[in-house]
Amino acid sequence: MIYPTTVIRIFGLLLLSLQPLYSTAIFAKSESQFYSIDAGPLDQALSRFGVQAGINLAVSSTLTEGKYSNELQGNFSTIAGLERLSEGTGLSFQLNANDSFKLHPTTVP
């Protein structure tokens, strides 16, 4: 026989085990963290950034070919870091519903 208090404890432990995964996805976009990425080929800089930020980036090599990133040194939110790396490239990022980011050409109105 399973007692109600046992069910509540199991459910509580389940929620606690999921909390770190849930928090990372929510706060990764707004919380600041330290990055150390040298200026260089955009595709390489974005790859390093994705690993350091713990995010998924959808990047087409045809968009990044021949483009170079700025240096990213210091504390930045995920969005501010992506903006800094892609500044001056004619490219920007879109946050998708699944918390991933997609690179696309900047549209000029």
PDB file of N, CA and C in Angstrom:
ATOM      1  N   MET A   1       0.837  -1.182   0.000  1.00  0.00           N
ATOM      2  CA  MET A   1       0.000   0.000   0.000  1.00  0.00           C
ATOM      3  C   MET A   1       0.887   1.253   0.000  1.00  0.00           C
ATOM      4  N   ILE A   2       0.550   2.192  -0.845  1.00  0.00           N
ATOM      5  CA  ILE A   2       1.293   3.453  -0.916  1.00  0.00           C
ATOM      6  C   ILE A   2       0.536   4.502  -0.101  1.00  0.00           C
ATOM      7  N   TYR A   3       1.238   5.107   0.823  1.00  0.00           N
ATOM      8  CA  TYR A   3       0.642   6.117   1.676  1.00  0.00           C
ATOM      9  C   TYR A   3       0.665   7.474   0.979  1.00  0.00           C
ATOM     10  N   PRO A   4      -0.356   8.324   1.257  1.00  0.00           N
ATOM     11  CA  PRO A   4      -0.405   9.655   0.634  1.00  0.00           C
ATOM     12  C   PRO A   4       0.858  10.477   0.893  1.00  0.00           C
ATOM     13  N   THR A   5       1.439  10.380   2.063  1.00  0.00           N
ATOM     14  CA  THR A   5       2.651  11.159   2.339  1.00  0.00           C
ATOM     15  C   THR A   5       3.818  10.690   1.467  1.00  0.00           C
ATOM     16  N   THR A   6       3.856   9.407   1.149  1.00  0.00           N
ATOM     17  CA  THR A   6       4.903   8.881   0.268  1.00  0.00           C
ATOM     18  C   THR A   6       4.748   9.455  -1.135  1.00  0.00           C
ATOM     19  N   VAL A   7       3.526   9.518  -1.614  1.00  0.00           N
ATOM     20  CA  VAL A   7       3.252  10.078  -2.941  1.00  0.00           C
ATOM     21  C   VAL A   7       3.659  11.543  -2.977  1.00  0.00           C
ATOM     22  N   ILE A   8       3.337  12.291  -1.937  1.00  0.00           N
ATOM     23  CA  ILE A   8       3.691  13.714  -1.878  1.00  0.00           C
ATOM     24  C   ILE A   8       5.208  13.875  -1.874  1.00  0.00           C
ATOM     25  N   ARG A   9       5.906  13.055  -1.128  1.00  0.00           N
ATOM     26  CA  ARG A   9       7.377  13.134  -1.085  1.00  0.00           C
ATOM     27  C   ARG A   9       7.979  12.813  -2.451  1.00  0.00           C
ATOM     28  N   ILE A  10       7.472  11.783  -3.092  1.00  0.00           N
ATOM     29  CA  ILE A  10       7.988  11.409  -4.417  1.00  0.00           C
ATOM     30  C   ILE A  10       7.739  12.532  -5.417  1.00  0.00           C
ATOM     31  N   PHE A  11       6.546  13.099  -5.388  1.00  0.00           N
ATOM     32  CA  PHE A  11       6.219  14.199  -6.295  1.00  0.00           C
ATOM     33  C   PHE A  11       7.119  15.408  -6.021  1.00  0.00           C
ATOM     34  N   GLY A  12       7.356  15.706  -4.755  1.00  0.00           N
ATOM     35  CA  GLY A  12       8.234  16.819  -4.379  1.00  0.00           C
ATOM     36  C   GLY A  12       9.651  16.612  -4.873  1.00  0.00           C
ATOM     37  N   LEU A  13      10.168  15.396  -4.709  1.00  0.00           N
ATOM     38  CA  LEU A  13      11.513  15.089  -5.196  1.00  0.00           C
ATOM     39  C   LEU A  13      11.604  15.191  -6.707  1.00  0.00           C
ATOM     40  N   LEU A  14      10.559  14.765  -7.395  1.00  0.00           N
ATOM     41  CA  LEU A  14      10.519  14.884  -8.846  1.00  0.00           C
ATOM     42  C   LEU A  14      10.598  16.345  -9.266  1.00  0.00           C
ATOM     43  N   LEU A  15       9.813  17.198  -8.628  1.00  0.00           N
ATOM     44  CA  LEU A  15       9.839  18.626  -8.952  1.00  0.00           C
ATOM     45  C   LEU A  15      11.205  19.236  -8.659  1.00  0.00           C
ATOM     46  N   LEU A  16      11.808  18.869  -7.548  1.00  0.00           N
ATOM     47  CA  LEU A  16      13.132  19.396  -7.215  1.00  0.00           C
ATOM     48  C   LEU A  16      14.183  18.942  -8.222  1.00  0.00           C
ATOM     49  N   SER A  17      14.066  17.731  -8.736  1.00  0.00           N
ATOM     50  CA  SER A  17      15.042  17.250  -9.703  1.00  0.00           C
ATOM     51  C   SER A  17      14.903  17.950 -11.050  1.00  0.00           C
ATOM     52  N   LEU A  18      13.719  18.413 -11.388  1.00  0.00           N
ATOM     53  CA  LEU A  18      13.498  19.111 -12.655  1.00  0.00           C
ATOM     54  C   LEU A  18      13.819  20.593 -12.565  1.00  0.00           C
ATOM     55  N   GLN A  19      13.808  21.157 -11.392  1.00  0.00           N
ATOM     56  CA  GLN A  19      13.981  22.592 -11.198  1.00  0.00           C
ATOM     57  C   GLN A  19      15.267  23.138 -11.815  1.00  0.00           C
ATOM     58  N   PRO A  20      16.438  22.516 -11.639  1.00  0.00           N
ATOM     59  CA  PRO A  20      17.638  23.080 -12.260  1.00  0.00           C
ATOM     60  C   PRO A  20      17.552  23.148 -13.780  1.00  0.00           C
ATOM     61  N   LEU A  21      16.957  22.167 -14.428  1.00  0.00           N
ATOM     62  CA  LEU A  21      16.811  22.186 -15.885  1.00  0.00           C
ATOM     63  C   LEU A  21      15.872  23.304 -16.312  1.00  0.00           C
ATOM     64  N   TYR A  22      14.789  23.477 -15.600  1.00  0.00           N
ATOM     65  CA  TYR A  22      13.794  24.482 -15.924  1.00  0.00           C
ATOM     66  C   TYR A  22      14.362  25.879 -15.717  1.00  0.00           C
ATOM     67  N   SER A  23      15.071  26.094 -14.644  1.00  0.00           N
ATOM     68  CA  SER A  23      15.628  27.407 -14.338  1.00  0.00           C
ATOM     69  C   SER A  23      16.657  27.831 -15.372  1.00  0.00           C
ATOM     70  N   THR A  24      17.496  26.910 -15.808  1.00  0.00           N
ATOM     71  CA  THR A  24      18.528  27.253 -16.769  1.00  0.00           C
ATOM     72  C   THR A  24      17.922  27.784 -18.054  1.00  0.00           C
ATOM     73  N   ALA A  25      16.889  27.145 -18.546  1.00  0.00           N
ATOM     74  CA  ALA A  25      16.266  27.590 -19.795  1.00  0.00           C
ATOM     75  C   ALA A  25      15.632  28.962 -19.642  1.00  0.00           C
ATOM     76  N   ILE A  26      15.008  29.207 -18.501  1.00  0.00           N
ATOM     77  CA  ILE A  26      14.337  30.488 -18.304  1.00  0.00           C
ATOM     78  C   ILE A  26      15.334  31.619 -18.115  1.00  0.00           C
ATOM     79  N   PHE A  27      16.341  31.403 -17.269  1.00  0.00           N
ATOM     80  CA  PHE A  27      17.228  32.491 -16.898  1.00  0.00           C
ATOM     81  C   PHE A  27      18.403  32.675 -17.838  1.00  0.00           C
ATOM     82  N   ALA A  28      18.653  31.717 -18.718  1.00  0.00           N
ATOM     83  CA  ALA A  28      19.799  31.831 -19.623  1.00  0.00           C
ATOM     84  C   ALA A  28      19.697  33.068 -20.504  1.00  0.00           C
ATOM     85  N   LYS A  29      18.490  33.491 -20.826  1.00  0.00           N
ATOM     86  CA  LYS A  29      18.311  34.630 -21.716  1.00  0.00           C
ATOM     87  C   LYS A  29      18.551  35.959 -21.009  1.00  0.00           C
ATOM     88  N   SER A  30      18.265  36.045 -19.705  1.00  0.00           N
ATOM     89  CA  SER A  30      18.334  37.328 -19.031  1.00  0.00           C
ATOM     90  C   SER A  30      19.474  37.447 -18.029  1.00  0.00           C
ATOM     91  N   GLU A  31      19.895  36.355 -17.416  1.00  0.00           N
ATOM     92  CA  GLU A  31      20.974  36.441 -16.446  1.00  0.00           C
ATOM     93  C   GLU A  31      22.300  36.644 -17.150  1.00  0.00           C
ATOM     94  N   SER A  32      23.145  37.382 -16.506  1.00  0.00           N
ATOM     95  CA  SER A  32      24.452  37.694 -17.048  1.00  0.00           C
ATOM     96  C   SER A  32      25.462  36.634 -16.618  1.00  0.00           C
ATOM     97  N   GLN A  33      26.377  36.323 -17.509  1.00  0.00           N
ATOM     98  CA  GLN A  33      27.472  35.429 -17.154  1.00  0.00           C
ATOM     99  C   GLN A  33      28.722  35.903 -17.872  1.00  0.00           C
ATOM    100  N   PHE A  34      29.874  35.433 -17.436  1.00  0.00           N
ATOM    101  CA  PHE A  34      31.143  35.866 -18.004  1.00  0.00           C
ATOM    102  C   PHE A  34      31.462  35.072 -19.269  1.00  0.00           C
ATOM    103  N   TYR A  35      31.878  35.804 -20.307  1.00  0.00           N
ATOM    104  CA  TYR A  35      32.298  35.199 -21.570  1.00  0.00           C
ATOM    105  C   TYR A  35      33.699  35.697 -21.918  1.00  0.00           C
ATOM    106  N   SER A  36      34.475  34.835 -22.543  1.00  0.00           N
ATOM    107  CA  SER A  36      35.789  35.204 -23.038  1.00  0.00           C
ATOM    108  C   SER A  36      35.946  34.598 -24.425  1.00  0.00           C
ATOM    109  N   ILE A  37      35.537  35.375 -25.425  1.00  0.00           N
ATOM    110  CA  ILE A  37      35.565  34.908 -26.816  1.00  0.00           C
ATOM    111  C   ILE A  37      36.302  35.954 -27.643  1.00  0.00           C
ATOM    112  N   ASP A  38      37.368  35.526 -28.301  1.00  0.00           N
ATOM    113  CA  ASP A  38      38.159  36.436 -29.123  1.00  0.00           C
ATOM    114  C   ASP A  38      37.422  36.775 -30.414  1.00  0.00           C
ATOM    115  N   ALA A  39      37.752  37.927 -30.986  1.00  0.00           N
ATOM    116  CA  ALA A  39      37.237  38.289 -32.302  1.00  0.00           C
ATOM    117  C   ALA A  39      37.780  37.281 -33.310  1.00  0.00           C
ATOM    118  N   GLY A  40      36.989  36.999 -34.343  1.00  0.00           N
ATOM    119  CA  GLY A  40      37.446  36.044 -35.352  1.00  0.00           C
ATOM    120  C   GLY A  40      36.305  35.622 -36.235  1.00  0.00           C
ATOM    121  N   PRO A  41      36.458  34.521 -36.958  1.00  0.00           N
ATOM    122  CA  PRO A  41      35.384  34.046 -37.832  1.00  0.00           C
ATOM    123  C   PRO A  41      34.080  33.880 -37.039  1.00  0.00           C
ATOM    124  N   LEU A  42      33.005  34.418 -37.597  1.00  0.00           N
ATOM    125  CA  LEU A  42      31.719  34.440 -36.898  1.00  0.00           C
ATOM    126  C   LEU A  42      31.232  33.055 -36.524  1.00  0.00           C
ATOM    127  N   ASP A  43      31.355  32.086 -37.435  1.00  0.00           N
ATOM    128  CA  ASP A  43      30.849  30.747 -37.124  1.00  0.00           C
ATOM    129  C   ASP A  43      31.557  30.135 -35.925  1.00  0.00           C
ATOM    130  N   GLN A  44      32.868  30.340 -35.826  1.00  0.00           N
ATOM    131  CA  GLN A  44      33.618  29.801 -34.693  1.00  0.00           C
ATOM    132  C   GLN A  44      33.257  30.507 -33.390  1.00  0.00           C
ATOM    133  N   ALA A  45      33.108  31.826 -33.450  1.00  0.00           N
ATOM    134  CA  ALA A  45      32.748  32.588 -32.253  1.00  0.00           C
ATOM    135  C   ALA A  45      31.361  32.190 -31.756  1.00  0.00           C
ATOM    136  N   LEU A  46      30.417  32.000 -32.671  1.00  0.00           N
ATOM    137  CA  LEU A  46      29.065  31.609 -32.280  1.00  0.00           C
ATOM    138  C   LEU A  46      29.048  30.203 -31.698  1.00  0.00           C
ATOM    139  N   SER A  47      29.871  29.333 -32.240  1.00  0.00           N
ATOM    140  CA  SER A  47      29.964  27.978 -31.712  1.00  0.00           C
ATOM    141  C   SER A  47      30.477  28.002 -30.272  1.00  0.00           C
ATOM    142  N   ARG A  48      31.537  28.772 -30.032  1.00  0.00           N
ATOM    143  CA  ARG A  48      32.079  28.892 -28.669  1.00  0.00           C
ATOM    144  C   ARG A  48      31.051  29.518 -27.736  1.00  0.00           C
ATOM    145  N   PHE A  49      30.346  30.530 -28.235  1.00  0.00           N
ATOM    146  CA  PHE A  49      29.338  31.188 -27.417  1.00  0.00           C
ATOM    147  C   PHE A  49      28.221  30.218 -27.030  1.00  0.00           C
ATOM    148  N   GLY A  50      27.746  29.440 -27.981  1.00  0.00           N
ATOM    149  CA  GLY A  50      26.676  28.485 -27.710  1.00  0.00           C
ATOM    150  C   GLY A  50      27.056  27.499 -26.628  1.00  0.00           C
ATOM    151  N   VAL A  51      28.301  27.027 -26.673  1.00  0.00           N
ATOM    152  CA  VAL A  51      28.781  26.090 -25.661  1.00  0.00           C
ATOM    153  C   VAL A  51      28.858  26.773 -24.297  1.00  0.00           C
ATOM    154  N   GLN A  52      29.461  27.966 -24.253  1.00  0.00           N
ATOM    155  CA  GLN A  52      29.610  28.668 -22.982  1.00  0.00           C
ATOM    156  C   GLN A  52      28.263  29.075 -22.388  1.00  0.00           C
ATOM    157  N   ALA A  53      27.313  29.463 -23.258  1.00  0.00           N
ATOM    158  CA  ALA A  53      25.996  29.911 -22.782  1.00  0.00           C
ATOM    159  C   ALA A  53      25.068  28.735 -22.504  1.00  0.00           C
ATOM    160  N   GLY A  54      25.375  27.575 -23.062  1.00  0.00           N
ATOM    161  CA  GLY A  54      24.506  26.413 -22.881  1.00  0.00           C
ATOM    162  C   GLY A  54      23.201  26.543 -23.640  1.00  0.00           C
ATOM    163  N   ILE A  55      23.278  27.106 -24.850  1.00  0.00           N
ATOM    164  CA  ILE A  55      22.073  27.312 -25.660  1.00  0.00           C
ATOM    165  C   ILE A  55      22.214  26.616 -27.001  1.00  0.00           C
ATOM    166  N   ASN A  56      21.098  26.444 -27.682  1.00  0.00           N
ATOM    167  CA  ASN A  56      21.078  25.907 -29.036  1.00  0.00           C
ATOM    168  C   ASN A  56      21.014  27.057 -30.019  1.00  0.00           C
ATOM    169  N   LEU A  57      21.914  27.054 -30.994  1.00  0.00           N
ATOM    170  CA  LEU A  57      21.949  28.068 -32.040  1.00  0.00           C
ATOM    171  C   LEU A  57      21.773  27.398 -33.394  1.00  0.00           C
ATOM    172  N   ALA A  58      20.856  27.914 -34.195  1.00  0.00           N
ATOM    173  CA  ALA A  58      20.696  27.437 -35.567  1.00  0.00           C
ATOM    174  C   ALA A  58      21.419  28.427 -36.464  1.00  0.00           C
ATOM    175  N   VAL A  59      22.553  27.992 -37.021  1.00  0.00           N
ATOM    176  CA  VAL A  59      23.399  28.880 -37.813  1.00  0.00           C
ATOM    177  C   VAL A  59      23.719  28.213 -39.142  1.00  0.00           C
ATOM    178  N   SER A  60      23.424  28.910 -40.237  1.00  0.00           N
ATOM    179  CA  SER A  60      23.749  28.416 -41.567  1.00  0.00           C
ATOM    180  C   SER A  60      25.129  28.930 -41.965  1.00  0.00           C
ATOM    181  N   SER A  61      25.980  28.034 -42.426  1.00  0.00           N
ATOM    182  CA  SER A  61      27.332  28.434 -42.821  1.00  0.00           C
ATOM    183  C   SER A  61      27.315  29.413 -43.994  1.00  0.00           C
ATOM    184  N   THR A  62      26.272  29.376 -44.810  1.00  0.00           N
ATOM    185  CA  THR A  62      26.194  30.333 -45.917  1.00  0.00           C
ATOM    186  C   THR A  62      25.970  31.757 -45.401  1.00  0.00           C
ATOM    187  N   LEU A  63      25.327  31.891 -44.241  1.00  0.00           N
ATOM    188  CA  LEU A  63      25.117  33.223 -43.663  1.00  0.00           C
ATOM    189  C   LEU A  63      26.379  33.764 -42.994  1.00  0.00           C
ATOM    190  N   THR A  64      27.178  32.883 -42.412  1.00  0.00           N
ATOM    191  CA  THR A  64      28.351  33.341 -41.652  1.00  0.00           C
ATOM    192  C   THR A  64      29.631  33.376 -42.483  1.00  0.00           C
ATOM    193  N   GLU A  65      29.604  32.806 -43.672  1.00  0.00           N
ATOM    194  CA  GLU A  65      30.804  32.731 -44.509  1.00  0.00           C
ATOM    195  C   GLU A  65      31.386  34.122 -44.776  1.00  0.00           C
ATOM    196  N   GLY A  66      32.670  34.271 -44.460  1.00  0.00           N
ATOM    197  CA  GLY A  66      33.368  35.532 -44.703  1.00  0.00           C
ATOM    198  C   GLY A  66      33.060  36.625 -43.699  1.00  0.00           C
ATOM    199  N   LYS A  67      32.316  36.319 -42.660  1.00  0.00           N
ATOM    200  CA  LYS A  67      31.953  37.322 -41.654  1.00  0.00           C
ATOM    201  C   LYS A  67      32.759  37.087 -40.383  1.00  0.00           C
ATOM    202  N   TYR A  68      33.060  38.181 -39.698  1.00  0.00           N
ATOM    203  CA  TYR A  68      33.865  38.125 -38.488  1.00  0.00           C
ATOM    204  C   TYR A  68      33.114  38.742 -37.315  1.00  0.00           C
ATOM    205  N   SER A  69      33.363  38.174 -36.150  1.00  0.00           N
ATOM    206  CA  SER A  69      32.690  38.635 -34.940  1.00  0.00           C
ATOM    207  C   SER A  69      33.549  39.642 -34.185  1.00  0.00           C
ATOM    208  N   ASN A  70      32.895  40.365 -33.320  1.00  0.00           N
ATOM    209  CA  ASN A  70      33.582  41.206 -32.362  1.00  0.00           C
ATOM    210  C   ASN A  70      34.080  40.333 -31.219  1.00  0.00           C
ATOM    211  N   GLU A  71      34.983  40.867 -30.448  1.00  0.00           N
ATOM    212  CA  GLU A  71      35.425  40.205 -29.230  1.00  0.00           C
ATOM    213  C   GLU A  71      34.309  40.296 -28.192  1.00  0.00           C
ATOM    214  N   LEU A  72      34.187  39.285 -27.375  1.00  0.00           N
ATOM    215  CA  LEU A  72      33.199  39.292 -26.297  1.00  0.00           C
ATOM    216  C   LEU A  72      33.934  38.930 -25.013  1.00  0.00           C
ATOM    217  N   GLN A  73      34.230  39.935 -24.224  1.00  0.00           N
ATOM    218  CA  GLN A  73      34.945  39.759 -22.963  1.00  0.00           C
ATOM    219  C   GLN A  73      34.147  40.444 -21.866  1.00  0.00           C
ATOM    220  N   GLY A  74      33.727  39.694 -20.878  1.00  0.00           N
ATOM    221  CA  GLY A  74      33.011  40.287 -19.751  1.00  0.00           C
ATOM    222  C   GLY A  74      31.687  39.618 -19.507  1.00  0.00           C
ATOM    223  N   ASN A  75      30.862  40.265 -18.686  1.00  0.00           N
ATOM    224  CA  ASN A  75      29.554  39.733 -18.306  1.00  0.00           C
ATOM    225  C   ASN A  75      28.473  40.246 -19.249  1.00  0.00           C
ATOM    226  N   PHE A  76      27.721  39.313 -19.820  1.00  0.00           N
ATOM    227  CA  PHE A  76      26.652  39.637 -20.751  1.00  0.00           C
ATOM    228  C   PHE A  76      25.492  38.673 -20.547  1.00  0.00           C
ATOM    229  N   SER A  77      24.277  39.136 -20.836  1.00  0.00           N
ATOM    230  CA  SER A  77      23.148  38.211 -20.936  1.00  0.00           C
ATOM    231  C   SER A  77      23.306  37.469 -22.260  1.00  0.00           C
ATOM    232  N   THR A  78      22.562  36.409 -22.439  1.00  0.00           N
ATOM    233  CA  THR A  78      22.645  35.649 -23.686  1.00  0.00           C
ATOM    234  C   THR A  78      22.330  36.541 -24.881  1.00  0.00           C
ATOM    235  N   ILE A  79      21.256  37.294 -24.782  1.00  0.00           N
ATOM    236  CA  ILE A  79      20.842  38.139 -25.910  1.00  0.00           C
ATOM    237  C   ILE A  79      21.860  39.236 -26.181  1.00  0.00           C
ATOM    238  N   ALA A  80      22.365  39.896 -25.119  1.00  0.00           N
ATOM    239  CA  ALA A  80      23.367  40.952 -25.305  1.00  0.00           C
ATOM    240  C   ALA A  80      24.653  40.378 -25.906  1.00  0.00           C
ATOM    241  N   GLY A  81      25.029  39.171 -25.499  1.00  0.00           N
ATOM    242  CA  GLY A  81      26.215  38.532 -26.060  1.00  0.00           C
ATOM    243  C   GLY A  81      26.059  38.230 -27.538  1.00  0.00           C
ATOM    244  N   LEU A  82      24.904  37.705 -27.911  1.00  0.00           N
ATOM    245  CA  LEU A  82      24.643  37.423 -29.327  1.00  0.00           C
ATOM    246  C   LEU A  82      24.634  38.708 -30.149  1.00  0.00           C
ATOM    247  N   GLU A  83      24.055  39.761 -29.600  1.00  0.00           N
ATOM    248  CA  GLU A  83      24.027  41.044 -30.318  1.00  0.00           C
ATOM    249  C   GLU A  83      25.439  41.578 -30.509  1.00  0.00           C
ATOM    250  N   ARG A  84      26.253  41.477 -29.483  1.00  0.00           N
ATOM    251  CA  ARG A  84      27.634  41.971 -29.566  1.00  0.00           C
ATOM    252  C   ARG A  84      28.436  41.180 -30.594  1.00  0.00           C
ATOM    253  N   LEU A  85      28.320  39.861 -30.578  1.00  0.00           N
ATOM    254  CA  LEU A  85      29.075  39.038 -31.523  1.00  0.00           C
ATOM    255  C   LEU A  85      28.663  39.284 -32.970  1.00  0.00           C
ATOM    256  N   SER A  86      27.377  39.531 -33.205  1.00  0.00           N
ATOM    257  CA  SER A  86      26.884  39.689 -34.580  1.00  0.00           C
ATOM    258  C   SER A  86      26.829  41.146 -35.037  1.00  0.00           C
ATOM    259  N   GLU A  87      27.208  42.075 -34.183  1.00  0.00           N
ATOM    260  CA  GLU A  87      27.176  43.504 -34.516  1.00  0.00           C
ATOM    261  C   GLU A  87      28.020  43.791 -35.764  1.00  0.00           C
ATOM    262  N   GLY A  88      27.424  44.489 -36.725  1.00  0.00           N
ATOM    263  CA  GLY A  88      28.134  44.858 -37.940  1.00  0.00           C
ATOM    264  C   GLY A  88      28.204  43.773 -39.003  1.00  0.00           C
ATOM    265  N   THR A  89      27.561  42.641 -38.774  1.00  0.00           N
ATOM    266  CA  THR A  89      27.615  41.540 -39.745  1.00  0.00           C
ATOM    267  C   THR A  89      26.417  41.532 -40.695  1.00  0.00           C
ATOM    268  N   GLY A  90      25.391  42.342 -40.396  1.00  0.00           N
ATOM    269  CA  GLY A  90      24.168  42.297 -41.192  1.00  0.00           C
ATOM    270  C   GLY A  90      23.276  41.130 -40.806  1.00  0.00           C
ATOM    271  N   LEU A  91      23.586  40.506 -39.665  1.00  0.00           N
ATOM    272  CA  LEU A  91      22.830  39.359 -39.185  1.00  0.00           C
ATOM    273  C   LEU A  91      22.300  39.638 -37.779  1.00  0.00           C
ATOM    274  N   SER A  92      21.195  38.994 -37.446  1.00  0.00           N
ATOM    275  CA  SER A  92      20.655  39.101 -36.094  1.00  0.00           C
ATOM    276  C   SER A  92      20.051  37.761 -35.697  1.00  0.00           C
ATOM    277  N   PHE A  93      19.590  37.694 -34.463  1.00  0.00           N
ATOM    278  CA  PHE A  93      19.066  36.444 -33.926  1.00  0.00           C
ATOM    279  C   PHE A  93      17.610  36.567 -33.555  1.00  0.00           C
ATOM    280  N   GLN A  94      16.924  35.461 -33.677  1.00  0.00           N
ATOM    281  CA  GLN A  94      15.518  35.364 -33.289  1.00  0.00           C
ATOM    282  C   GLN A  94      15.410  34.264 -32.248  1.00  0.00           C
ATOM    283  N   LEU A  95      14.709  34.556 -31.151  1.00  0.00           N
ATOM    284  CA  LEU A  95      14.461  33.545 -30.125  1.00  0.00           C
ATOM    285  C   LEU A  95      13.240  32.752 -30.540  1.00  0.00           C
ATOM    286  N   ASN A  96      13.401  31.442 -30.648  1.00  0.00           N
ATOM    287  CA  ASN A  96      12.294  30.566 -31.038  1.00  0.00           C
ATOM    288  C   ASN A  96      11.506  30.116 -29.813  1.00  0.00           C
ATOM    289  N   ALA A  97      10.326  29.586 -30.049  1.00  0.00           N
ATOM    290  CA  ALA A  97       9.450  29.134 -28.964  1.00  0.00           C
ATOM    291  C   ALA A  97      10.091  28.038 -28.126  1.00  0.00           C
ATOM    292  N   ASN A  98      11.003  27.260 -28.682  1.00  0.00           N
ATOM    293  CA  ASN A  98      11.642  26.174 -27.946  1.00  0.00           C
ATOM    294  C   ASN A  98      12.926  26.618 -27.244  1.00  0.00           C
ATOM    295  N   ASP A  99      13.080  27.934 -27.031  1.00  0.00           N
ATOM    296  CA  ASP A  99      14.240  28.531 -26.355  1.00  0.00           C
ATOM    297  C   ASP A  99      15.551  28.344 -27.108  1.00  0.00           C
ATOM    298  N   SER A 100      15.482  28.129 -28.417  1.00  0.00           N
ATOM    299  CA  SER A 100      16.690  28.106 -29.232  1.00  0.00           C
ATOM    300  C   SER A 100      16.759  29.433 -29.989  1.00  0.00           C
ATOM    301  N   PHE A 101      17.920  29.721 -30.548  1.00  0.00           N
ATOM    302  CA  PHE A 101      18.121  30.961 -31.291  1.00  0.00           C
ATOM    303  C   PHE A 101      18.446  30.631 -32.733  1.00  0.00           C
ATOM    304  N   LYS A 102      17.892  31.432 -33.654  1.00  0.00           N
ATOM    305  CA  LYS A 102      18.135  31.240 -35.080  1.00  0.00           C
ATOM    306  C   LYS A 102      18.737  32.510 -35.675  1.00  0.00           C
ATOM    307  N   LEU A 103      19.815  32.332 -36.407  1.00  0.00           N
ATOM    308  CA  LEU A 103      20.492  33.427 -37.090  1.00  0.00           C
ATOM    309  C   LEU A 103      19.782  33.724 -38.403  1.00  0.00           C
ATOM    310  N   HIS A 104      19.565  34.999 -38.697  1.00  0.00           N
ATOM    311  CA  HIS A 104      18.949  35.386 -39.959  1.00  0.00           C
ATOM    312  C   HIS A 104      19.467  36.753 -40.388  1.00  0.00           C
ATOM    313  N   PRO A 105      19.345  37.071 -41.683  1.00  0.00           N
ATOM    314  CA  PRO A 105      19.760  38.394 -42.146  1.00  0.00           C
ATOM    315  C   PRO A 105      18.903  39.474 -41.496  1.00  0.00           C
ATOM    316  N   THR A 106      19.534  40.577 -41.143  1.00  0.00           N
ATOM    317  CA  THR A 106      18.803  41.708 -40.594  1.00  0.00           C
ATOM    318  C   THR A 106      17.986  42.335 -41.697  1.00  0.00           C
ATOM    319  N   THR A 107      16.719  42.563 -41.447  1.00  0.00           N
ATOM    320  CA  THR A 107      15.862  43.189 -42.446  1.00  0.00           C
ATOM    321  C   THR A 107      15.868  44.700 -42.229  1.00  0.00           C
ATOM    322  N   VAL A 108      15.969  45.413 -43.302  1.00  0.00           N
ATOM    323  CA  VAL A 108      15.963  46.876 -43.242  1.00  0.00           C
ATOM    324  C   VAL A 108      14.597  47.349 -43.693  1.00  0.00           C
ATOM    325  N   PRO A 109      13.881  48.144 -42.829  1.00  0.00           N
ATOM    326  CA  PRO A 109      12.526  48.597 -43.215  1.00  0.00           C
ATOM    327  C   PRO A 109      12.535  49.545 -44.386  1.00  0.00           C
TER     328      PRO A 109
END
